Amino acid sequence: MRHLFVMRHAKAKKGDGDVNDHQRPLRKRGRRQAAAMARVLQQWQALEGQILVSDAARTRETLDEIAGQLQETSLVERARFDEALYHFDGQALLAWLKALPNEADRVLVIGHNPALLELVHWLCGEVPQALPIGSLLHVTLPDTPWSALEQHSAELAARLNPDEASHALFKRKAPVKPSLRKVGLAKRIRGLLEYQYRMVRALEPGVTAGVDPEFLHQYRVNLRRSRAIGESVLATTKVPGLKKRLKRLKRRARATSELRDLDVFLESLTETPPPLSPRSLQALERWLQARHQEQHEALCQQLSTPDYDEDMQDWHGFIISKGFHKALQKLSSKRIEAVLAERIAGHDRDLASLSIDSTDEAFHELRKSVKRIRYLAELEPQRQKRFLEGLKHRQRLLGDLQDLCTRQAWIDVFSTNSRNAPRRKQECDAWREALEEQKRALREQVISLAPLGT
């Protein structure tokens, strides 16, 4: 099987009287787009074969940004810059492709539209209607000579654009959060829930791509916030049909938990290198990446099922329904204050019962109670502004403690899988003890917190 990777150059400046089309350089956004696709090209193994680039300035600079991001200058040295690729006609590009040497099994072409899209359409038949700036297509072809290629004999294996590879780029086109400061309580809740629904759906392609972990984080945040708002509403008034829908949201959010924990753990290895030998650290990273891939594939499979789409559409239909709007009209500040007071009192009792030797689960339950209090208070953010500011430090302490507990759990599993490496197990035990000391310090800070009801 042969592999053809087709990439359109990143966003370039417009031509003018002094700069012709061939000389147009990349814009600042174009450089960010090319940099965002570097990791994708590496993951797809698109850089391992021949790299063929149009000799235009914007395609050259696209490769320069990719090489710079990966710190591999050899990419530019290996690349072949061909004026024949500075073409906008698909048939001319096809003739060029058929002239490739047969030993070229893996080829990356960085060129121009509409030629690239026309070429892929000839090869595959069904392809995306557009090839956005900086986008990449992966085409698999039969193991026949390039000169013998037949129309529609290839398959489109994957596609990705920069806005799906980089959350920073995605934000430019993300749904805009509505201004809800001066609206009533019912309208604010519906506005927030609808905005979060739109964010969840917009983030799904980036989550599936799995290149930038921030997509998963924001996807998870918006799912959990939707559920939390719904639970806060349910705690203050009766809403027929809401409870069963919140259970579905909870199930969808839970499917992201382990993958998000792995993202945080892998990121921590870079920020704070653990006390492991290079060999053990390498083994740990490989092991975590394997778990990460398993979890990501499972999540992608879930996102592609009809059940998932039905659940999300049902949720959206519910939050914009007249029945939900009518139920929200019954909400009152007085009732929210009463439920908030109950939750604060419960939190303070739990806090007072904690000791330095309490279980991790007890601290975790306290963390969940703080989150429930925060989400309830956020139903009226202006009224509860000072109170919400005071919650931040408490929630951060408990969140840091939970992260350490999760990290220890992964270390334990890794250590158990290292039975034939006693030295590695000793290193893991020492690391776990070091984390235990950090946890103890955080526990002391949590126990010393003042009650929320004071």
Protein backbone atom coordinates (compact mmCIF):
# COMPACT_ATOMS: atom_id res chain seq x y z
CA MET A 1 0.00 0.00 0.00
CA ARG A 2 1.18 3.50 -0.83
CA HIS A 3 0.49 6.61 1.24
CA LEU A 4 -0.04 10.08 -0.20
CA PHE A 5 -0.29 13.09 2.13
CA VAL A 6 -1.65 16.24 0.55
CA MET A 7 -1.26 19.52 2.42
CA ARG A 8 -2.41 22.94 1.34
CA HIS A 9 -0.04 25.76 2.28
CA ALA A 10 -0.89 27.87 5.33
CA LYS A 11 -2.52 31.30 5.14
CA ALA A 12 -0.48 33.78 3.08
CA LYS A 13 -0.55 37.52 2.59
CA LYS A 14 -2.44 38.88 -0.38
CA GLY A 15 -0.48 39.86 -3.45
CA ASP A 16 -0.07 43.47 -4.50
CA GLY A 17 1.84 45.46 -7.08
CA ASP A 18 5.20 44.80 -5.45
CA VAL A 19 4.66 41.13 -4.56
CA ASN A 20 3.45 38.66 -7.19
CA ASP A 21 1.58 35.43 -6.37
CA HIS A 22 4.72 33.26 -6.39
CA GLN A 23 6.41 35.46 -3.80
CA ARG A 24 3.54 35.83 -1.32
CA PRO A 25 4.80 35.05 2.23
CA LEU A 26 2.84 33.56 5.11
CA ARG A 27 0.85 35.76 7.42
CA LYS A 28 1.33 35.51 11.18
CA ARG A 29 -1.77 33.32 11.39
CA GLY A 30 -0.38 31.14 8.61
CA ARG A 31 2.79 30.51 10.59
CA ARG A 32 0.67 29.43 13.56
CA GLN A 33 -1.36 27.14 11.30
CA ALA A 34 1.73 25.43 9.90
CA ALA A 35 3.19 25.03 13.39
CA ALA A 36 -0.06 23.46 14.60
CA MET A 37 0.10 20.82 11.85
CA ALA A 38 3.68 19.77 12.65
CA ARG A 39 2.66 17.29 15.31
CA VAL A 40 -0.09 15.90 13.07
CA LEU A 41 2.39 15.26 10.26
CA GLN A 42 4.70 13.56 12.72
CA GLN A 43 1.93 11.37 14.21
CA TRP A 44 0.68 10.36 10.76
CA GLN A 45 4.28 9.49 9.74
CA ALA A 46 3.88 11.83 6.80
CA LEU A 47 7.43 13.13 7.15
CA GLU A 48 9.10 9.74 6.90
CA GLY A 49 9.03 9.46 3.11
CA GLN A 50 9.60 11.89 0.28
CA ILE A 51 8.72 15.54 0.96
CA LEU A 52 7.79 17.38 -2.23
CA VAL A 53 7.02 21.09 -2.06
CA SER A 54 5.98 23.78 -4.51
CA ASP A 55 8.73 26.34 -4.95
CA ALA A 56 6.39 29.24 -4.06
CA ALA A 57 7.32 31.30 -1.01
CA ARG A 58 4.20 30.36 0.95
CA THR A 59 4.75 26.60 0.57
CA ARG A 60 8.44 26.90 1.42
CA GLU A 61 7.61 28.89 4.54
CA THR A 62 4.93 26.35 5.49
CA LEU A 63 7.61 23.65 5.58
CA ASP A 64 10.00 25.99 7.43
CA GLU A 65 7.45 26.49 10.22
CA ILE A 66 6.82 22.73 10.46
CA ALA A 67 10.54 21.99 10.68
CA GLY A 68 11.04 24.74 13.26
CA GLN A 69 8.27 23.37 15.45
CA LEU A 70 9.81 19.89 15.38
CA GLN A 71 13.37 21.26 15.59
CA GLU A 72 14.33 19.13 12.60
CA THR A 73 16.27 21.17 10.06
CA SER A 74 16.84 17.98 8.08
CA LEU A 75 13.24 18.21 6.86
CA VAL A 76 14.09 21.23 4.74
CA GLU A 77 17.31 19.60 3.58
CA ARG A 78 15.45 16.43 2.57
CA ALA A 79 12.64 18.25 0.81
CA ARG A 80 12.54 18.70 -2.95
CA PHE A 81 11.20 22.04 -4.11
CA ASP A 82 9.60 21.57 -7.51
CA GLU A 83 8.28 24.33 -9.74
CA ALA A 84 5.94 21.76 -11.30
CA LEU A 85 3.98 21.78 -8.01
CA TYR A 86 3.33 25.50 -8.32
CA HIS A 87 0.20 24.61 -10.27
CA PHE A 88 -3.53 25.10 -9.84
CA ASP A 89 -4.78 22.47 -12.29
CA GLY A 90 -5.62 18.99 -10.98
CA GLN A 91 -4.89 17.18 -14.25
CA ALA A 92 -1.41 18.69 -14.45
CA LEU A 93 -0.80 17.58 -10.86
CA LEU A 94 -2.04 14.08 -11.69
CA ALA A 95 0.41 13.82 -14.57
CA TRP A 96 3.19 14.88 -12.20
CA LEU A 97 2.07 12.26 -9.63
CA LYS A 98 2.07 9.47 -12.21
CA ALA A 99 5.68 10.30 -13.03
CA LEU A 100 6.90 9.59 -9.48
CA PRO A 101 9.47 6.78 -9.09
CA ASN A 102 7.96 3.48 -7.96
CA GLU A 103 10.21 3.24 -4.88
CA ALA A 104 8.35 6.25 -3.39
CA ASP A 105 5.86 4.49 -1.10
CA ARG A 106 5.18 7.44 1.22
CA VAL A 107 4.89 10.93 -0.25
CA LEU A 108 4.00 14.32 1.26
CA VAL A 109 3.01 17.06 -1.17
CA ILE A 110 2.69 20.67 0.02
CA GLY A 111 1.00 22.65 -2.70
CA HIS A 112 -1.98 24.70 -3.83
CA ASN A 113 -5.70 24.56 -4.40
CA PRO A 114 -7.76 23.84 -6.44
CA ALA A 115 -5.20 21.42 -7.91
CA LEU A 116 -4.80 19.42 -4.68
CA LEU A 117 -8.52 18.91 -4.11
CA GLU A 118 -9.11 18.06 -7.77
CA LEU A 119 -6.31 15.47 -7.59
CA VAL A 120 -7.73 13.81 -4.48
CA HIS A 121 -11.22 13.86 -5.98
CA TRP A 122 -9.92 12.01 -9.05
CA LEU A 123 -8.15 9.48 -6.86
CA CYS A 124 -10.88 8.88 -4.26
CA GLY A 125 -14.19 10.00 -5.68
CA GLU A 126 -15.85 11.15 -2.47
CA VAL A 127 -13.78 13.81 -0.71
CA PRO A 128 -14.46 16.93 1.38
CA GLN A 129 -16.07 19.75 -0.59
CA ALA A 130 -13.25 22.07 0.44
CA LEU A 131 -9.63 21.92 1.50
CA PRO A 132 -9.16 24.83 3.94
CA ILE A 133 -5.88 26.69 4.21
CA GLY A 134 -3.25 24.58 6.02
CA SER A 135 -5.36 21.39 5.88
CA LEU A 136 -3.99 17.88 5.43
CA LEU A 137 -5.46 14.81 3.69
CA HIS A 138 -4.13 11.25 3.96
CA VAL A 139 -4.84 9.05 0.93
CA THR A 140 -4.06 5.34 0.73
CA LEU A 141 -3.39 3.89 -2.73
CA PRO A 142 -2.96 0.38 -4.11
CA ASP A 143 0.56 -1.02 -4.34
CA THR A 144 0.82 -0.52 -8.07
CA PRO A 145 3.19 1.69 -10.09
CA TRP A 146 2.35 5.38 -9.84
CA SER A 147 2.02 5.46 -13.62
CA ALA A 148 -0.75 2.83 -13.42
CA LEU A 149 -2.99 4.77 -11.05
CA GLU A 150 -6.66 4.51 -11.93
CA GLN A 151 -9.50 6.88 -11.17
CA HIS A 152 -11.23 6.25 -7.79
CA SER A 153 -8.72 3.51 -6.92
CA ALA A 154 -7.63 5.20 -3.67
CA GLU A 155 -9.29 5.83 -0.30
CA LEU A 156 -9.35 8.92 1.90
CA ALA A 157 -7.97 7.62 5.22
CA ALA A 158 -8.00 10.84 7.25
CA ARG A 159 -8.39 14.59 7.07
CA LEU A 160 -7.55 17.40 9.49
CA ASN A 161 -7.41 21.19 9.45
CA PRO A 162 -5.43 23.50 11.75
CA ASP A 163 -8.51 24.60 13.72
CA GLU A 164 -9.00 20.94 14.75
CA ALA A 165 -5.34 20.48 15.63
CA SER A 166 -4.90 23.61 17.76
CA HIS A 167 -7.36 24.88 20.36
CA ALA A 168 -5.73 28.31 20.19
CA LEU A 169 -6.67 28.50 16.49
CA PHE A 170 -10.11 27.00 17.14
CA LYS A 171 -11.00 29.78 19.60
CA ARG A 172 -11.09 32.31 16.77
CA LYS A 173 -14.10 30.53 15.25
CA ALA A 174 -15.60 29.11 18.44
CA PRO A 175 -19.18 29.94 19.45
CA VAL A 176 -19.36 33.35 21.11
CA LYS A 177 -20.51 33.38 24.71
CA PRO A 178 -23.70 35.44 24.99
CA SER A 179 -23.88 38.52 27.17
CA LEU A 180 -26.21 37.50 30.01
CA ARG A 181 -25.43 40.00 32.78
CA LYS A 182 -28.61 42.02 32.43
CA VAL A 183 -31.13 39.26 31.76
CA GLY A 184 -33.39 37.39 34.14
CA LEU A 185 -32.49 34.16 35.90
CA ALA A 186 -34.44 31.84 33.58
CA LYS A 187 -33.06 33.42 30.41
CA ARG A 188 -29.51 33.36 31.81
CA ILE A 189 -29.68 29.63 32.57
CA ARG A 190 -31.08 28.77 29.16
CA GLY A 191 -28.49 30.98 27.48
CA LEU A 192 -25.62 29.32 29.35
CA LEU A 193 -26.87 25.80 28.64
CA GLU A 194 -27.39 26.50 24.95
CA TYR A 195 -23.94 28.10 24.66
CA GLN A 196 -22.33 25.11 26.39
CA TYR A 197 -24.18 22.73 24.09
CA ARG A 198 -22.86 24.58 21.04
CA MET A 199 -19.34 24.50 22.49
CA VAL A 200 -19.52 20.74 23.10
CA ARG A 201 -20.55 20.09 19.50
CA ALA A 202 -17.94 22.49 18.10
CA LEU A 203 -15.16 20.88 20.16
CA GLU A 204 -15.95 17.31 19.05
CA PRO A 205 -13.72 17.32 15.90
CA GLY A 206 -10.73 18.52 17.95
CA VAL A 207 -11.41 15.87 20.59
CA THR A 208 -11.52 13.20 17.89
CA ALA A 209 -8.29 14.49 16.32
CA GLY A 210 -6.58 14.11 19.69
CA VAL A 211 -3.68 16.42 18.85
CA ASP A 212 -4.23 19.22 21.37
CA PRO A 213 -5.41 18.02 24.84
CA GLU A 214 -7.07 21.38 25.46
CA PHE A 215 -9.96 20.29 23.21
CA LEU A 216 -10.72 17.38 25.55
CA HIS A 217 -10.38 19.60 28.62
CA GLN A 218 -12.82 22.21 27.29
CA TYR A 219 -15.20 19.54 25.99
CA ARG A 220 -15.22 17.96 29.45
CA VAL A 221 -15.62 21.33 31.20
CA ASN A 222 -18.66 22.28 29.11
CA LEU A 223 -20.30 18.88 29.56
CA ARG A 224 -19.77 18.95 33.32
CA ARG A 225 -20.88 22.56 33.68
CA SER A 226 -24.08 21.77 31.80
CA ARG A 227 -24.76 18.90 34.14
CA ALA A 228 -23.87 20.99 37.20
CA ILE A 229 -26.23 23.80 36.19
CA GLY A 230 -28.96 21.26 35.57
CA GLU A 231 -28.41 19.66 38.98
CA SER A 232 -28.46 23.08 40.63
CA VAL A 233 -31.78 23.85 38.97
CA LEU A 234 -33.13 20.45 40.02
CA ALA A 235 -32.11 21.13 43.62
CA THR A 236 -34.25 24.26 43.70
CA THR A 237 -37.33 23.38 41.66
CA LYS A 238 -39.09 20.45 39.98
CA VAL A 239 -38.31 20.01 36.28
CA PRO A 240 -39.99 16.99 34.62
CA GLY A 241 -37.57 15.01 32.42
CA LEU A 242 -34.42 16.80 33.60
CA LYS A 243 -33.10 14.09 35.92
CA LYS A 244 -32.88 11.34 33.28
CA ARG A 245 -31.15 13.69 30.86
CA LEU A 246 -28.59 14.69 33.48
CA LYS A 247 -27.79 11.00 33.94
CA ARG A 248 -26.95 10.79 30.24
CA LEU A 249 -24.71 13.86 30.47
CA LYS A 250 -22.98 12.33 33.47
CA ARG A 251 -22.29 9.15 31.52
CA ARG A 252 -20.85 11.12 28.60
CA ALA A 253 -18.63 13.18 30.91
CA ARG A 254 -17.40 10.10 32.77
CA ALA A 255 -16.18 8.65 29.47
CA THR A 256 -13.59 11.47 29.38
CA SER A 257 -12.31 11.12 32.97
CA GLU A 258 -9.48 8.65 32.54
CA LEU A 259 -8.27 10.22 29.32
CA ARG A 260 -8.15 13.67 30.94
CA ASP A 261 -6.26 12.25 33.95
CA LEU A 262 -3.71 10.76 31.56
CA ASP A 263 -3.30 14.12 29.79
CA VAL A 264 -2.64 15.85 33.12
CA PHE A 265 -0.20 13.15 34.24
CA LEU A 266 1.75 13.21 30.95
CA GLU A 267 1.93 17.02 31.10
CA SER A 268 3.24 16.85 34.68
CA LEU A 269 6.13 14.61 33.58
CA THR A 270 7.38 17.45 31.39
CA GLU A 271 6.78 20.24 33.90
CA THR A 272 8.20 18.37 36.92
CA PRO A 273 10.41 15.43 35.91
CA PRO A 274 9.85 12.53 38.34
CA PRO A 275 12.63 10.88 40.38
CA LEU A 276 13.03 8.01 37.91
CA SER A 277 16.00 6.78 35.93
CA PRO A 278 15.90 7.71 32.21
CA ARG A 279 15.10 4.11 31.35
CA SER A 280 12.21 3.92 33.84
CA LEU A 281 10.88 7.30 32.72
CA GLN A 282 10.93 6.18 29.11
CA ALA A 283 9.09 2.97 30.05
CA LEU A 284 6.49 4.98 31.99
CA GLU A 285 5.88 7.38 29.11
CA ARG A 286 5.45 4.50 26.66
CA TRP A 287 3.05 2.79 29.05
CA LEU A 288 1.01 5.95 29.60
CA GLN A 289 0.88 6.70 25.87
CA ALA A 290 -0.43 3.18 25.21
CA ARG A 291 -3.17 3.67 27.84
CA HIS A 292 -3.89 7.09 26.37
CA GLN A 293 -4.31 5.68 22.87
CA GLU A 294 -6.70 3.00 24.15
CA GLN A 295 -8.83 5.55 25.99
CA HIS A 296 -8.83 7.98 23.06
CA GLU A 297 -9.94 5.28 20.63
CA ALA A 298 -12.74 4.28 23.01
CA LEU A 299 -13.92 7.89 23.30
CA CYS A 300 -13.78 8.42 19.53
CA GLN A 301 -15.86 5.30 19.05
CA GLN A 302 -18.44 6.65 21.49
CA LEU A 303 -18.59 10.04 19.77
CA SER A 304 -19.26 8.36 16.42
CA THR A 305 -22.28 6.33 17.58
CA PRO A 306 -25.87 7.30 16.73
CA ASP A 307 -26.72 7.01 20.45
CA TYR A 308 -24.32 9.81 21.31
CA ASP A 309 -25.74 12.13 18.67
CA GLU A 310 -29.28 11.30 19.76
CA ASP A 311 -28.45 12.04 23.40
CA MET A 312 -26.94 15.41 22.52
CA GLN A 313 -29.77 16.43 20.21
CA ASP A 314 -32.31 15.35 22.83
CA TRP A 315 -30.52 17.49 25.43
CA HIS A 316 -30.56 20.50 23.13
CA GLY A 317 -34.23 20.00 22.31
CA PHE A 318 -35.00 19.82 26.03
CA ILE A 319 -33.17 23.01 27.07
CA ILE A 320 -34.88 25.08 24.36
CA SER A 321 -38.31 23.54 25.03
CA LYS A 322 -41.28 25.50 26.37
CA GLY A 323 -41.61 23.02 29.24
CA PHE A 324 -38.08 23.73 30.50
CA HIS A 325 -38.61 27.46 30.10
CA LYS A 326 -41.83 27.25 32.10
CA ALA A 327 -40.09 25.29 34.89
CA LEU A 328 -37.31 27.87 35.07
CA GLN A 329 -39.85 30.61 35.69
CA LYS A 330 -40.45 29.07 39.12
CA LEU A 331 -36.86 29.67 40.19
CA SER A 332 -36.33 32.38 42.79
CA SER A 333 -33.33 33.96 44.45
CA LYS A 334 -34.83 33.11 47.83
CA ARG A 335 -34.98 29.40 47.02
CA ILE A 336 -31.42 29.41 45.61
CA GLU A 337 -30.16 31.11 48.80
CA ALA A 338 -31.90 28.48 50.96
CA VAL A 339 -30.38 25.53 49.08
CA LEU A 340 -26.99 27.25 49.03
CA ALA A 341 -27.13 27.70 52.81
CA GLU A 342 -27.92 23.98 53.21
CA ARG A 343 -24.96 22.99 51.05
CA ILE A 344 -22.61 25.36 52.86
CA ALA A 345 -23.68 23.93 56.23
CA GLY A 346 -23.05 20.38 54.95
CA HIS A 347 -19.63 21.38 53.64
CA ASP A 348 -18.67 22.96 56.98
CA ARG A 349 -19.68 19.80 58.86
CA ASP A 350 -17.58 17.68 56.50
CA LEU A 351 -14.63 20.05 56.83
CA ALA A 352 -14.80 19.98 60.64
CA SER A 353 -14.78 16.16 60.63
CA LEU A 354 -11.56 15.92 58.61
CA SER A 355 -8.21 15.09 60.15
CA ILE A 356 -4.74 14.68 58.67
CA ASP A 357 -5.37 10.92 58.61
CA SER A 358 -8.76 11.03 56.89
CA THR A 359 -9.11 8.98 53.74
CA ASP A 360 -8.43 10.38 50.28
CA GLU A 361 -12.09 9.74 49.52
CA ALA A 362 -13.18 12.04 52.35
CA PHE A 363 -11.15 14.90 50.87
CA HIS A 364 -12.46 14.06 47.42
CA GLU A 365 -16.05 14.28 48.70
CA LEU A 366 -15.28 17.70 50.18
CA ARG A 367 -13.97 18.79 46.78
CA LYS A 368 -17.19 17.68 45.11
CA SER A 369 -19.24 19.59 47.69
CA VAL A 370 -17.27 22.78 46.94
CA LYS A 371 -17.96 22.33 43.23
CA ARG A 372 -21.67 21.84 43.85
CA ILE A 373 -21.72 25.00 45.98
CA ARG A 374 -19.88 26.96 43.32
CA TYR A 375 -22.17 25.89 40.50
CA LEU A 376 -25.24 26.77 42.55
CA ALA A 377 -23.81 30.20 43.44
CA GLU A 378 -23.01 30.79 39.76
CA LEU A 379 -26.72 30.79 38.96
CA GLU A 380 -26.56 34.36 40.25
CA PRO A 381 -22.94 35.40 39.63
CA GLN A 382 -23.35 39.11 40.34
CA ARG A 383 -25.12 38.55 43.65
CA GLN A 384 -22.52 35.93 44.73
CA LYS A 385 -19.45 37.60 43.22
CA ARG A 386 -17.43 37.98 46.47
CA PHE A 387 -18.41 34.54 47.69
CA LEU A 388 -17.30 32.95 44.41
CA GLU A 389 -13.96 34.75 44.56
CA GLY A 390 -13.39 33.25 48.01
CA LEU A 391 -14.04 29.72 46.73
CA LYS A 392 -11.19 29.74 44.20
CA HIS A 393 -8.35 29.06 46.63
CA ARG A 394 -10.30 26.28 48.37
CA GLN A 395 -11.16 24.58 45.10
CA ARG A 396 -7.57 24.87 43.83
CA LEU A 397 -6.18 23.21 46.99
CA LEU A 398 -8.63 20.33 46.76
CA GLY A 399 -8.04 19.99 43.01
CA ASP A 400 -4.27 19.79 43.49
CA LEU A 401 -4.78 17.15 46.17
CA GLN A 402 -7.01 15.11 43.86
CA ASP A 403 -4.42 15.32 41.05
CA LEU A 404 -1.77 13.88 43.38
CA CYS A 405 -4.10 11.03 44.36
CA THR A 406 -4.77 10.24 40.71
CA ARG A 407 -1.04 10.35 39.95
CA GLN A 408 -0.36 7.88 42.75
CA ALA A 409 -3.00 5.53 41.38
CA TRP A 410 -1.32 5.48 37.96
CA ILE A 411 2.09 4.94 39.57
CA ASP A 412 0.70 1.97 41.49
CA VAL A 413 -0.64 0.34 38.34
CA PHE A 414 2.61 0.98 36.46
CA SER A 415 4.64 -0.40 39.36
CA THR A 416 2.48 -3.53 39.48
CA ASN A 417 3.16 -4.04 35.78
CA SER A 418 6.91 -3.78 36.47
CA ARG A 419 7.19 -6.99 38.51
CA ASN A 420 10.25 -8.13 36.58
CA ALA A 421 12.02 -4.82 37.19
CA PRO A 422 12.61 -4.59 40.98
CA ARG A 423 14.71 -1.44 40.70
CA ARG A 424 11.89 0.29 38.81
CA LYS A 425 9.46 -0.74 41.52
CA GLN A 426 11.74 0.75 44.17
CA GLU A 427 11.89 4.01 42.23
CA CYS A 428 8.10 4.09 41.99
CA ASP A 429 7.74 3.43 45.71
CA ALA A 430 10.11 6.32 46.49
CA TRP A 431 8.21 8.58 44.09
CA ARG A 432 4.91 7.62 45.66
CA GLU A 433 6.25 8.49 49.12
CA ALA A 434 7.41 11.89 47.86
CA LEU A 435 3.91 12.54 46.53
CA GLU A 436 2.49 11.42 49.89
CA GLU A 437 4.49 14.19 51.57
CA GLN A 438 3.06 16.73 49.13
CA LYS A 439 -0.43 15.41 49.84
CA ARG A 440 0.13 15.74 53.58
CA ALA A 441 1.10 19.40 53.18
CA LEU A 442 -2.05 20.06 51.13
CA ARG A 443 -4.21 18.19 53.66
CA GLU A 444 -2.91 20.46 56.42
CA GLN A 445 -3.83 23.53 54.36
CA VAL A 446 -7.32 22.18 53.68
CA ILE A 447 -7.95 21.35 57.36
CA SER A 448 -6.90 24.86 58.36
CA LEU A 449 -9.46 26.49 56.04
CA ALA A 450 -12.15 28.55 57.70
CA PRO A 451 -15.77 27.33 57.45
CA LEU A 452 -17.66 28.81 54.50
CA GLY A 453 -20.55 29.80 56.75
CA THR A 454 -18.51 32.25 58.82
